[in-house]
Amino acid sequence: MSFQTTVPEGMSYVNAIYALWKHASRNAPDENLVLNTSEKVHEYFQQNLPCGCSYPYVDYFSNYLIKVDFNKSPRIDVLDYDEAYGAYAAERALDNYAKVEPGNRFDKDDKYR
């Protein structure tokens, strides 16, 4: 099982969180998102960053376990996510979402990098 993976080049951390949530929720509709815009997601995590961190640790997102540390992004710690959803689950979720055209992603054009 992998302890870390890499966010695909050019993908924002907001889209990475969204991709992990989509995988964890088995493609729940976006209406289920508590923070339903990329701006709200970015604002929430920026307001709740531990001192000195540039990127968040995400424990849960819209009622689904994520438990991924983005602080060393683009390398992210995914051990707990993979333990919950299967070996290499985080890597698969990110790679699959990387196939979505940037203009069609949750964080359009990956502005929150």
N, C-alpha and C. Protein backbone atom coordinates (compact mmCIF):
# COMPACT_ATOMS: atom_id res chain seq x y z
N MET A 1 0.85 -1.18 0.00
CA MET A 1 0.00 0.00 0.00
C MET A 1 0.90 1.24 0.00
N SER A 2 0.46 2.23 -0.73
CA SER A 2 1.23 3.45 -0.85
C SER A 2 0.94 4.40 0.30
N PHE A 3 1.98 5.10 0.75
CA PHE A 3 1.82 6.11 1.80
C PHE A 3 1.61 7.48 1.20
N GLN A 4 2.13 7.68 -0.01
CA GLN A 4 2.02 8.97 -0.68
C GLN A 4 1.69 8.77 -2.15
N THR A 5 1.14 9.82 -2.72
CA THR A 5 0.96 9.89 -4.16
C THR A 5 1.16 11.34 -4.55
N THR A 6 1.10 11.61 -5.83
CA THR A 6 1.31 12.96 -6.33
C THR A 6 0.05 13.46 -7.01
N VAL A 7 -0.34 14.68 -6.68
CA VAL A 7 -1.46 15.32 -7.37
C VAL A 7 -1.00 15.54 -8.81
N PRO A 8 -1.82 15.15 -9.80
CA PRO A 8 -1.41 15.33 -11.19
C PRO A 8 -1.00 16.78 -11.49
N GLU A 9 0.01 16.92 -12.33
CA GLU A 9 0.55 18.24 -12.65
C GLU A 9 -0.55 19.19 -13.12
N GLY A 10 -0.57 20.36 -12.54
CA GLY A 10 -1.53 21.38 -12.93
C GLY A 10 -2.87 21.31 -12.22
N MET A 11 -3.14 20.22 -11.49
CA MET A 11 -4.43 20.08 -10.80
C MET A 11 -4.38 20.84 -9.47
N SER A 12 -5.40 21.64 -9.21
CA SER A 12 -5.45 22.40 -7.96
C SER A 12 -5.74 21.47 -6.79
N TYR A 13 -5.37 21.91 -5.60
CA TYR A 13 -5.67 21.11 -4.41
C TYR A 13 -7.18 21.02 -4.20
N VAL A 14 -7.94 22.04 -4.62
CA VAL A 14 -9.41 21.99 -4.51
C VAL A 14 -9.95 20.87 -5.40
N ASN A 15 -9.44 20.74 -6.61
CA ASN A 15 -9.89 19.65 -7.48
C ASN A 15 -9.44 18.30 -6.95
N ALA A 16 -8.28 18.25 -6.33
CA ALA A 16 -7.83 16.99 -5.74
C ALA A 16 -8.77 16.56 -4.61
N ILE A 17 -9.15 17.51 -3.75
CA ILE A 17 -10.11 17.20 -2.68
C ILE A 17 -11.43 16.73 -3.28
N TYR A 18 -11.89 17.42 -4.30
CA TYR A 18 -13.15 17.06 -4.96
C TYR A 18 -13.05 15.64 -5.56
N ALA A 19 -11.95 15.33 -6.22
CA ALA A 19 -11.77 14.00 -6.83
C ALA A 19 -11.80 12.91 -5.77
N LEU A 20 -11.14 13.15 -4.65
CA LEU A 20 -11.14 12.16 -3.56
C LEU A 20 -12.54 12.01 -2.97
N TRP A 21 -13.27 13.11 -2.84
CA TRP A 21 -14.65 13.05 -2.34
C TRP A 21 -15.55 12.28 -3.31
N LYS A 22 -15.42 12.55 -4.61
CA LYS A 22 -16.26 11.85 -5.60
C LYS A 22 -16.01 10.34 -5.51
N HIS A 23 -14.76 9.95 -5.36
CA HIS A 23 -14.44 8.53 -5.26
C HIS A 23 -15.00 7.95 -3.96
N ALA A 24 -14.78 8.65 -2.87
CA ALA A 24 -15.23 8.15 -1.56
C ALA A 24 -16.75 8.05 -1.49
N SER A 25 -17.44 8.99 -2.11
CA SER A 25 -18.91 9.03 -2.05
C SER A 25 -19.56 8.19 -3.14
N ARG A 26 -18.74 7.53 -3.93
CA ARG A 26 -19.24 6.73 -5.06
C ARG A 26 -20.08 7.61 -6.00
N ASN A 27 -19.50 8.77 -6.34
CA ASN A 27 -20.08 9.72 -7.29
C ASN A 27 -21.39 10.33 -6.83
N ALA A 28 -21.46 10.69 -5.57
CA ALA A 28 -22.66 11.39 -5.06
C ALA A 28 -22.88 12.65 -5.89
N PRO A 29 -24.13 13.05 -6.06
CA PRO A 29 -24.39 14.28 -6.82
C PRO A 29 -23.82 15.50 -6.11
N ASP A 30 -23.42 16.48 -6.88
CA ASP A 30 -22.81 17.68 -6.32
C ASP A 30 -23.73 18.43 -5.36
N GLU A 31 -25.03 18.22 -5.47
CA GLU A 31 -25.96 18.87 -4.53
C GLU A 31 -25.68 18.45 -3.10
N ASN A 32 -25.01 17.30 -2.92
CA ASN A 32 -24.69 16.82 -1.58
C ASN A 32 -23.51 17.54 -0.95
N LEU A 33 -22.81 18.34 -1.72
CA LEU A 33 -21.67 19.07 -1.18
C LEU A 33 -22.13 20.18 -0.24
N VAL A 34 -21.55 20.22 0.94
CA VAL A 34 -21.84 21.29 1.89
C VAL A 34 -21.22 22.59 1.37
N LEU A 35 -19.96 22.51 0.96
CA LEU A 35 -19.27 23.64 0.35
C LEU A 35 -19.38 23.42 -1.16
N ASN A 36 -20.37 24.03 -1.79
CA ASN A 36 -20.75 23.64 -3.14
C ASN A 36 -20.12 24.44 -4.27
N THR A 37 -19.11 25.26 -3.97
CA THR A 37 -18.35 25.93 -5.02
C THR A 37 -16.87 25.83 -4.68
N SER A 38 -16.04 25.92 -5.69
CA SER A 38 -14.60 25.86 -5.44
C SER A 38 -14.15 27.03 -4.57
N GLU A 39 -14.79 28.17 -4.73
CA GLU A 39 -14.45 29.34 -3.93
C GLU A 39 -14.70 29.07 -2.44
N LYS A 40 -15.84 28.45 -2.13
CA LYS A 40 -16.17 28.14 -0.73
C LYS A 40 -15.20 27.12 -0.15
N VAL A 41 -14.83 26.12 -0.94
CA VAL A 41 -13.87 25.11 -0.48
C VAL A 41 -12.53 25.78 -0.17
N HIS A 42 -12.04 26.58 -1.10
CA HIS A 42 -10.76 27.26 -0.92
C HIS A 42 -10.80 28.18 0.31
N GLU A 43 -11.84 28.98 0.42
CA GLU A 43 -11.96 29.91 1.54
C GLU A 43 -11.99 29.17 2.88
N TYR A 44 -12.77 28.09 2.95
CA TYR A 44 -12.87 27.32 4.19
C TYR A 44 -11.50 26.79 4.61
N PHE A 45 -10.80 26.16 3.68
CA PHE A 45 -9.52 25.56 4.06
C PHE A 45 -8.45 26.60 4.33
N GLN A 46 -8.48 27.74 3.66
CA GLN A 46 -7.52 28.80 3.95
C GLN A 46 -7.75 29.39 5.34
N GLN A 47 -9.00 29.49 5.76
CA GLN A 47 -9.31 30.03 7.08
C GLN A 47 -8.98 29.05 8.20
N ASN A 48 -8.86 27.78 7.87
CA ASN A 48 -8.63 26.75 8.90
C ASN A 48 -7.28 26.06 8.77
N LEU A 49 -6.31 26.73 8.15
CA LEU A 49 -4.98 26.15 8.02
C LEU A 49 -4.24 26.21 9.35
N PRO A 50 -3.53 25.12 9.69
CA PRO A 50 -2.66 25.19 10.86
C PRO A 50 -1.56 26.23 10.60
N CYS A 51 -1.07 26.83 11.62
CA CYS A 51 -0.05 27.86 11.51
C CYS A 51 1.14 27.36 10.70
N GLY A 52 1.55 28.15 9.73
CA GLY A 52 2.73 27.83 8.94
C GLY A 52 2.49 26.91 7.76
N CYS A 53 1.29 26.41 7.58
CA CYS A 53 1.00 25.51 6.47
C CYS A 53 0.47 26.28 5.27
N SER A 54 0.81 25.80 4.08
CA SER A 54 0.30 26.41 2.85
C SER A 54 -0.95 25.70 2.35
N TYR A 55 -1.05 24.40 2.67
CA TYR A 55 -2.17 23.58 2.20
C TYR A 55 -2.77 22.83 3.39
N PRO A 56 -4.02 22.40 3.27
CA PRO A 56 -4.71 21.80 4.41
C PRO A 56 -4.46 20.31 4.61
N TYR A 57 -4.77 19.88 5.81
CA TYR A 57 -5.01 18.46 6.10
C TYR A 57 -6.53 18.32 6.07
N VAL A 58 -7.03 17.38 5.28
CA VAL A 58 -8.47 17.21 5.14
C VAL A 58 -8.88 15.93 5.85
N ASP A 59 -9.60 16.08 6.93
CA ASP A 59 -10.06 14.93 7.71
C ASP A 59 -11.31 14.33 7.07
N TYR A 60 -12.37 15.12 7.01
CA TYR A 60 -13.62 14.73 6.35
C TYR A 60 -14.02 15.84 5.40
N PHE A 61 -14.71 15.48 4.34
CA PHE A 61 -15.22 16.47 3.40
C PHE A 61 -16.62 16.05 3.00
N SER A 62 -17.59 16.90 3.28
CA SER A 62 -19.00 16.62 2.98
C SER A 62 -19.40 15.22 3.43
N ASN A 63 -19.09 14.93 4.69
CA ASN A 63 -19.50 13.70 5.37
C ASN A 63 -18.76 12.43 4.95
N TYR A 64 -17.69 12.56 4.20
CA TYR A 64 -16.91 11.39 3.80
C TYR A 64 -15.48 11.52 4.30
N LEU A 65 -14.96 10.39 4.79
CA LEU A 65 -13.59 10.34 5.27
C LEU A 65 -12.64 10.61 4.12
N ILE A 66 -11.73 11.54 4.32
CA ILE A 66 -10.69 11.82 3.33
C ILE A 66 -9.32 11.55 3.96
N LYS A 67 -9.02 12.20 5.09
CA LYS A 67 -7.77 11.97 5.84
C LYS A 67 -6.53 12.01 4.95
N VAL A 68 -6.37 13.12 4.24
CA VAL A 68 -5.23 13.32 3.35
C VAL A 68 -4.55 14.63 3.73
N ASP A 69 -3.22 14.57 3.82
CA ASP A 69 -2.44 15.76 4.15
C ASP A 69 -1.88 16.36 2.87
N PHE A 70 -2.29 17.59 2.58
CA PHE A 70 -1.86 18.30 1.38
C PHE A 70 -0.69 19.24 1.66
N ASN A 71 -0.16 19.26 2.87
CA ASN A 71 0.83 20.27 3.23
C ASN A 71 2.09 20.21 2.39
N LYS A 72 2.44 19.07 1.83
CA LYS A 72 3.63 18.97 0.99
C LYS A 72 3.25 18.82 -0.48
N SER A 73 2.09 19.37 -0.83
CA SER A 73 1.58 19.27 -2.19
C SER A 73 2.63 19.76 -3.19
N PRO A 74 2.84 19.05 -4.28
CA PRO A 74 1.95 18.08 -4.90
C PRO A 74 2.07 16.65 -4.35
N ARG A 75 3.07 16.37 -3.48
CA ARG A 75 3.11 15.06 -2.82
C ARG A 75 2.12 15.11 -1.68
N ILE A 76 1.25 14.11 -1.59
CA ILE A 76 0.26 14.09 -0.52
C ILE A 76 0.29 12.75 0.20
N ASP A 77 0.05 12.80 1.50
CA ASP A 77 0.01 11.59 2.33
C ASP A 77 -1.39 11.01 2.26
N VAL A 78 -1.48 9.75 1.79
CA VAL A 78 -2.79 9.14 1.52
C VAL A 78 -3.02 7.81 2.22
N LEU A 79 -2.18 7.46 3.17
CA LEU A 79 -2.27 6.14 3.81
C LEU A 79 -3.66 5.86 4.36
N ASP A 80 -4.21 6.78 5.13
CA ASP A 80 -5.53 6.55 5.74
C ASP A 80 -6.64 6.44 4.69
N TYR A 81 -6.55 7.26 3.65
CA TYR A 81 -7.54 7.19 2.56
C TYR A 81 -7.49 5.80 1.90
N ASP A 82 -6.28 5.36 1.58
CA ASP A 82 -6.13 4.06 0.94
C ASP A 82 -6.53 2.91 1.86
N GLU A 83 -6.31 3.05 3.14
CA GLU A 83 -6.77 2.02 4.07
C GLU A 83 -8.29 1.94 4.08
N ALA A 84 -8.94 3.08 3.96
CA ALA A 84 -10.40 3.12 3.98
C ALA A 84 -11.03 2.64 2.67
N TYR A 85 -10.41 2.98 1.55
CA TYR A 85 -11.06 2.74 0.24
C TYR A 85 -10.32 1.76 -0.66
N GLY A 86 -9.21 1.22 -0.20
CA GLY A 86 -8.49 0.22 -0.97
C GLY A 86 -7.13 0.72 -1.44
N ALA A 87 -6.23 -0.21 -1.66
CA ALA A 87 -4.88 0.13 -2.09
C ALA A 87 -4.92 0.98 -3.36
N TYR A 88 -4.16 2.06 -3.35
CA TYR A 88 -4.01 2.98 -4.48
C TYR A 88 -5.31 3.69 -4.87
N ALA A 89 -6.28 3.72 -3.96
CA ALA A 89 -7.56 4.38 -4.25
C ALA A 89 -7.38 5.87 -4.53
N ALA A 90 -6.54 6.53 -3.74
CA ALA A 90 -6.33 7.97 -3.94
C ALA A 90 -5.69 8.23 -5.30
N GLU A 91 -4.70 7.45 -5.64
CA GLU A 91 -4.03 7.60 -6.94
C GLU A 91 -5.01 7.39 -8.09
N ARG A 92 -5.84 6.38 -8.00
CA ARG A 92 -6.83 6.12 -9.05
C ARG A 92 -7.83 7.28 -9.15
N ALA A 93 -8.30 7.77 -8.00
CA ALA A 93 -9.27 8.86 -8.01
C ALA A 93 -8.68 10.10 -8.67
N LEU A 94 -7.45 10.43 -8.33
CA LEU A 94 -6.80 11.61 -8.91
C LEU A 94 -6.52 11.43 -10.40
N ASP A 95 -6.02 10.26 -10.77
CA ASP A 95 -5.72 10.01 -12.18
C ASP A 95 -6.99 10.04 -13.03
N ASN A 96 -8.07 9.49 -12.51
CA ASN A 96 -9.33 9.52 -13.26
C ASN A 96 -9.85 10.95 -13.42
N TYR A 97 -9.74 11.74 -12.37
CA TYR A 97 -10.24 13.12 -12.45
C TYR A 97 -9.33 13.99 -13.33
N ALA A 98 -8.07 13.62 -13.43
CA ALA A 98 -7.15 14.36 -14.31
C ALA A 98 -7.57 14.28 -15.77
N LYS A 99 -8.37 13.28 -16.11
CA LYS A 99 -8.86 13.12 -17.49
C LYS A 99 -9.96 14.11 -17.84
N VAL A 100 -10.56 14.74 -16.83
CA VAL A 100 -11.61 15.74 -17.06
C VAL A 100 -10.93 17.02 -17.54
N GLU A 101 -11.46 17.58 -18.61
CA GLU A 101 -10.90 18.83 -19.13
C GLU A 101 -10.91 19.91 -18.05
N PRO A 102 -9.83 20.70 -17.91
CA PRO A 102 -9.76 21.71 -16.85
C PRO A 102 -10.97 22.66 -16.81
N GLY A 103 -11.52 23.02 -17.94
CA GLY A 103 -12.67 23.91 -17.96
C GLY A 103 -13.95 23.28 -17.47
N ASN A 104 -13.96 21.96 -17.34
CA ASN A 104 -15.15 21.23 -16.87
C ASN A 104 -15.00 20.71 -15.44
N ARG A 105 -13.92 21.05 -14.79
CA ARG A 105 -13.69 20.58 -13.43
C ARG A 105 -14.44 21.43 -12.41
N PHE A 106 -14.56 20.91 -11.21
CA PHE A 106 -15.20 21.62 -10.10
C PHE A 106 -14.54 22.98 -9.90
N ASP A 107 -13.22 23.00 -9.79
CA ASP A 107 -12.44 24.25 -9.75
C ASP A 107 -12.00 24.50 -11.19
N LYS A 108 -12.84 25.23 -11.92
CA LYS A 108 -12.61 25.44 -13.35
C LYS A 108 -11.23 26.04 -13.60
N ASP A 109 -10.52 25.39 -14.49
CA ASP A 109 -9.18 25.81 -14.89
C ASP A 109 -8.16 25.79 -13.75
N ASP A 110 -8.49 25.08 -12.67
CA ASP A 110 -7.54 24.83 -11.57
C ASP A 110 -6.91 26.11 -11.04
N LYS A 111 -7.75 27.06 -10.67
CA LYS A 111 -7.21 28.36 -10.22
C LYS A 111 -6.64 28.33 -8.80
N TYR A 112 -7.02 27.34 -7.98
CA TYR A 112 -6.54 27.29 -6.59
C TYR A 112 -5.40 26.28 -6.46
N ARG A 113 -4.23 26.65 -6.97
CA ARG A 113 -3.07 25.75 -6.89
C ARG A 113 -2.20 26.09 -5.74
